[in-house]
N, C-alpha and C. Protein backbone atom coordinates (compact mmCIF):
# COMPACT_ATOMS: atom_id res chain seq x y z
N ASP A 1 -2.68 6.00 -7.32
CA ASP A 1 -2.30 7.07 -8.09
C ASP A 1 -3.41 7.60 -9.00
N GLU A 2 -4.26 6.66 -9.36
CA GLU A 2 -5.51 7.08 -10.15
C GLU A 2 -6.40 7.86 -9.45
N ILE A 3 -6.40 7.85 -8.07
CA ILE A 3 -7.47 8.54 -7.30
C ILE A 3 -6.87 9.97 -7.14
N ASP A 4 -5.58 10.15 -6.72
CA ASP A 4 -5.01 11.41 -6.56
C ASP A 4 -3.38 11.22 -6.37
N ASP A 5 -2.75 11.74 -7.31
CA ASP A 5 -1.21 11.54 -7.29
C ASP A 5 -0.56 12.02 -5.95
N SER A 6 -1.24 13.10 -5.38
CA SER A 6 -0.63 13.76 -4.14
C SER A 6 -0.62 12.92 -2.98
N TYR A 7 -1.42 11.74 -3.00
CA TYR A 7 -1.47 10.88 -1.80
C TYR A 7 -0.26 9.99 -1.66
N TYR A 8 0.38 9.69 -2.81
CA TYR A 8 1.46 8.72 -2.88
C TYR A 8 2.48 8.97 -1.85
N PRO A 9 3.07 10.14 -1.71
CA PRO A 9 4.20 10.38 -0.77
C PRO A 9 3.77 10.05 0.72
N THR A 10 2.66 10.45 1.11
CA THR A 10 2.12 10.14 2.42
C THR A 10 2.03 8.61 2.66
N PHE A 11 1.36 8.03 1.69
CA PHE A 11 1.22 6.47 1.92
C PHE A 11 2.50 5.76 1.76
N LYS A 12 3.41 6.27 1.00
CA LYS A 12 4.79 5.58 0.84
C LYS A 12 5.47 5.69 2.15
N ARG A 13 5.63 6.86 2.67
CA ARG A 13 6.23 7.10 3.99
C ARG A 13 5.59 6.14 5.06
N ALA A 14 4.31 6.02 5.19
CA ALA A 14 3.72 5.22 6.15
C ALA A 14 4.01 3.83 5.95
N CYS A 15 3.98 3.24 4.71
CA CYS A 15 4.35 1.85 4.40
C CYS A 15 5.77 1.54 4.81
N ASP A 16 6.68 2.43 4.30
CA ASP A 16 8.13 2.29 4.50
C ASP A 16 8.40 2.16 6.05
N SER A 17 7.63 2.99 6.87
CA SER A 17 7.88 3.03 8.30
C SER A 17 7.19 1.67 8.90
N TYR A 18 6.03 1.33 8.50
CA TYR A 18 5.31 0.23 9.07
C TYR A 18 6.05 -1.01 8.64
N PHE A 19 6.65 -1.30 7.54
CA PHE A 19 7.19 -2.61 7.22
C PHE A 19 8.78 -2.68 7.46
N TYR A 20 9.36 -1.70 8.05
CA TYR A 20 10.78 -1.66 8.30
C TYR A 20 11.02 -2.43 9.63
N ILE A 21 12.09 -3.22 9.68
CA ILE A 21 12.54 -3.99 10.83
C ILE A 21 13.86 -3.26 11.17
N PRO A 22 13.93 -2.33 12.16
CA PRO A 22 15.11 -1.65 12.55
C PRO A 22 16.32 -2.60 12.96
N THR A 23 16.02 -3.67 13.75
CA THR A 23 17.09 -4.46 14.20
C THR A 23 17.76 -5.23 13.04
N ARG A 24 17.12 -5.52 11.91
CA ARG A 24 17.59 -6.13 10.80
C ARG A 24 18.07 -5.14 9.64
N LYS A 25 17.68 -3.93 9.81
CA LYS A 25 17.87 -2.84 8.82
C LYS A 25 17.37 -3.34 7.47
N GLU A 26 16.17 -3.96 7.48
CA GLU A 26 15.51 -4.30 6.20
C GLU A 26 13.98 -4.17 6.29
N TYR A 27 13.39 -4.32 5.10
CA TYR A 27 11.91 -4.31 5.03
C TYR A 27 11.36 -5.71 5.07
N ARG A 28 10.25 -5.92 5.63
CA ARG A 28 9.68 -7.22 5.64
C ARG A 28 8.52 -7.26 4.64
N GLY A 29 8.38 -8.46 4.09
CA GLY A 29 7.25 -8.73 3.29
C GLY A 29 7.35 -8.11 1.88
N ILE A 30 6.19 -8.05 1.14
CA ILE A 30 6.23 -7.47 -0.17
C ILE A 30 5.27 -6.18 -0.04
N GLY A 31 5.06 -5.72 1.07
CA GLY A 31 4.19 -4.53 1.26
C GLY A 31 2.77 -5.16 1.61
N GLY A 32 1.81 -4.19 1.58
CA GLY A 32 0.49 -4.62 1.88
C GLY A 32 -0.46 -3.43 2.12
N ILE A 33 -1.58 -3.76 2.55
CA ILE A 33 -2.57 -2.75 2.97
C ILE A 33 -2.87 -2.95 4.48
N PHE A 34 -2.70 -1.89 5.22
CA PHE A 34 -2.95 -1.89 6.61
C PHE A 34 -3.93 -0.80 6.94
N PHE A 35 -4.80 -0.95 7.85
CA PHE A 35 -5.75 -0.03 8.14
C PHE A 35 -5.60 0.50 9.67
N ASP A 36 -4.79 -0.07 10.38
CA ASP A 36 -4.69 0.26 11.82
C ASP A 36 -3.96 1.67 11.87
N GLU A 37 -3.14 2.07 10.97
CA GLU A 37 -2.35 3.38 10.92
C GLU A 37 -2.57 4.05 9.54
N LEU A 38 -3.75 3.86 9.00
CA LEU A 38 -3.92 4.44 7.74
C LEU A 38 -3.95 6.02 7.72
N PRO A 39 -3.02 6.68 7.09
CA PRO A 39 -2.87 8.11 7.05
C PRO A 39 -3.90 8.72 6.17
N LEU A 40 -5.09 8.96 6.41
CA LEU A 40 -5.97 9.52 5.55
C LEU A 40 -5.58 11.00 5.14
N PRO A 41 -5.75 11.24 3.91
CA PRO A 41 -5.39 12.67 3.51
C PRO A 41 -6.27 13.61 4.28
N ALA A 42 -5.81 14.87 4.46
CA ALA A 42 -6.51 15.84 5.27
C ALA A 42 -7.93 16.08 4.78
N ASP A 43 -8.07 16.09 3.41
CA ASP A 43 -9.42 16.44 2.79
C ASP A 43 -10.33 15.24 3.10
N ILE A 44 -9.84 14.12 3.16
CA ILE A 44 -10.70 12.94 3.39
C ILE A 44 -10.98 12.85 4.83
N ARG A 45 -9.95 12.94 5.64
CA ARG A 45 -10.02 12.87 7.23
C ARG A 45 -11.03 13.79 7.70
N SER A 46 -11.08 15.04 7.14
CA SER A 46 -11.95 16.08 7.68
C SER A 46 -13.49 15.82 7.11
N GLY A 47 -13.63 14.88 6.22
CA GLY A 47 -14.97 14.63 5.68
C GLY A 47 -15.84 13.79 6.57
N THR A 48 -17.00 13.42 6.11
CA THR A 48 -17.88 12.49 6.82
C THR A 48 -17.39 11.14 6.95
N GLU A 49 -17.92 10.31 7.82
CA GLU A 49 -17.50 8.89 7.92
C GLU A 49 -17.76 8.18 6.53
N GLU A 50 -18.94 8.48 5.84
CA GLU A 50 -19.27 7.89 4.66
C GLU A 50 -18.20 8.32 3.68
N ASN A 51 -17.66 9.55 3.52
CA ASN A 51 -16.67 9.93 2.65
C ASN A 51 -15.39 9.14 2.87
N GLN A 52 -15.02 8.90 4.10
CA GLN A 52 -13.88 8.09 4.46
C GLN A 52 -14.00 6.71 4.02
N ARG A 53 -15.22 6.11 4.28
CA ARG A 53 -15.50 4.78 3.76
C ARG A 53 -15.43 4.59 2.33
N GLU A 54 -15.96 5.58 1.54
CA GLU A 54 -15.90 5.53 0.08
C GLU A 54 -14.46 5.61 -0.35
N PHE A 55 -13.61 6.54 0.27
CA PHE A 55 -12.26 6.71 -0.09
C PHE A 55 -11.53 5.34 0.09
N VAL A 56 -11.65 4.70 1.21
CA VAL A 56 -11.02 3.44 1.48
C VAL A 56 -11.45 2.38 0.51
N GLU A 57 -12.70 2.23 0.30
CA GLU A 57 -13.26 1.30 -0.67
C GLU A 57 -12.69 1.43 -2.16
N ALA A 58 -12.63 2.76 -2.49
CA ALA A 58 -12.16 3.00 -3.81
C ALA A 58 -10.65 2.70 -3.98
N SER A 59 -9.89 3.10 -2.98
CA SER A 59 -8.49 2.80 -2.90
C SER A 59 -8.23 1.41 -2.98
N LEU A 60 -8.92 0.55 -2.04
CA LEU A 60 -8.78 -0.85 -2.08
C LEU A 60 -9.12 -1.53 -3.38
N SER A 61 -10.18 -1.06 -3.98
CA SER A 61 -10.53 -1.59 -5.29
C SER A 61 -9.43 -1.40 -6.35
N LYS A 62 -8.94 -0.08 -6.42
CA LYS A 62 -7.78 0.10 -7.36
C LYS A 62 -6.66 -0.73 -7.02
N VAL A 63 -6.19 -0.83 -5.76
CA VAL A 63 -5.05 -1.61 -5.44
C VAL A 63 -5.15 -3.15 -5.80
N SER A 64 -6.45 -3.71 -5.52
CA SER A 64 -6.61 -5.08 -5.81
C SER A 64 -6.73 -5.37 -7.26
N MET A 65 -7.19 -4.39 -8.03
CA MET A 65 -7.09 -4.64 -9.46
C MET A 65 -5.73 -4.52 -10.13
N GLY A 66 -4.80 -3.75 -9.49
CA GLY A 66 -3.52 -3.59 -10.04
C GLY A 66 -2.47 -4.58 -9.42
N TRP A 67 -2.71 -5.13 -8.36
CA TRP A 67 -1.72 -5.87 -7.52
C TRP A 67 -1.31 -7.14 -8.32
N MET A 68 -2.26 -7.93 -8.73
CA MET A 68 -1.99 -9.28 -9.20
C MET A 68 -1.06 -9.17 -10.50
N PRO A 69 -1.43 -8.39 -11.52
CA PRO A 69 -0.52 -8.27 -12.63
C PRO A 69 0.87 -7.88 -12.32
N SER A 70 1.05 -6.98 -11.32
CA SER A 70 2.41 -6.57 -10.84
C SER A 70 3.15 -7.71 -10.19
N TYR A 71 2.53 -8.30 -9.35
CA TYR A 71 3.09 -9.52 -8.54
C TYR A 71 3.44 -10.60 -9.47
N GLU A 72 2.59 -10.91 -10.43
CA GLU A 72 2.72 -12.04 -11.32
C GLU A 72 3.99 -11.83 -12.12
N ASN A 73 4.28 -10.68 -12.58
CA ASN A 73 5.62 -10.35 -13.29
C ASN A 73 6.72 -10.56 -12.36
N ILE A 74 6.74 -10.18 -11.24
CA ILE A 74 7.88 -10.42 -10.20
C ILE A 74 8.11 -11.90 -10.17
N VAL A 75 7.04 -12.72 -9.86
CA VAL A 75 7.10 -14.18 -9.68
C VAL A 75 7.77 -14.85 -10.91
N ARG A 76 7.24 -14.40 -12.10
CA ARG A 76 7.67 -14.91 -13.34
C ARG A 76 9.21 -14.74 -13.52
N ARG A 77 9.72 -13.56 -13.16
CA ARG A 77 11.14 -13.25 -13.36
C ARG A 77 12.00 -14.05 -12.33
N HIS A 78 11.45 -14.41 -11.18
CA HIS A 78 12.26 -15.02 -10.13
C HIS A 78 11.86 -16.46 -9.72
N TRP A 79 11.00 -17.14 -10.46
CA TRP A 79 10.54 -18.36 -10.04
C TRP A 79 11.60 -19.51 -9.95
N MET A 80 12.66 -19.35 -10.69
CA MET A 80 13.62 -20.38 -10.74
C MET A 80 14.84 -20.15 -9.66
N GLN A 81 14.81 -19.01 -9.07
CA GLN A 81 15.85 -18.66 -8.09
C GLN A 81 15.76 -19.49 -6.88
N GLU A 82 16.87 -19.89 -6.27
CA GLU A 82 16.79 -20.60 -5.02
C GLU A 82 16.50 -19.61 -3.90
N TYR A 83 15.94 -20.03 -2.81
CA TYR A 83 15.59 -19.16 -1.74
C TYR A 83 15.88 -20.10 -0.43
N SER A 84 15.76 -19.35 0.67
CA SER A 84 15.89 -20.05 2.01
C SER A 84 14.74 -19.56 2.90
């Protein structure tokens, strides 16, 4: 979102589709970054290969800096719950 708020809906739809298991009617994992079906925004997709690489690197950097604090809070809230 720090790069451009308008990208969120596109990436959310792609992630929801990618991580959904239709036979179980549930989502798998905790999300993630995938590059095999990355839906680059039109303004980035139409740019040079260097622009595309810079966009991916900047996005990856922002996600990696924000991921751990978010995930740590989830683990702290649920670390005593039983699981199977």
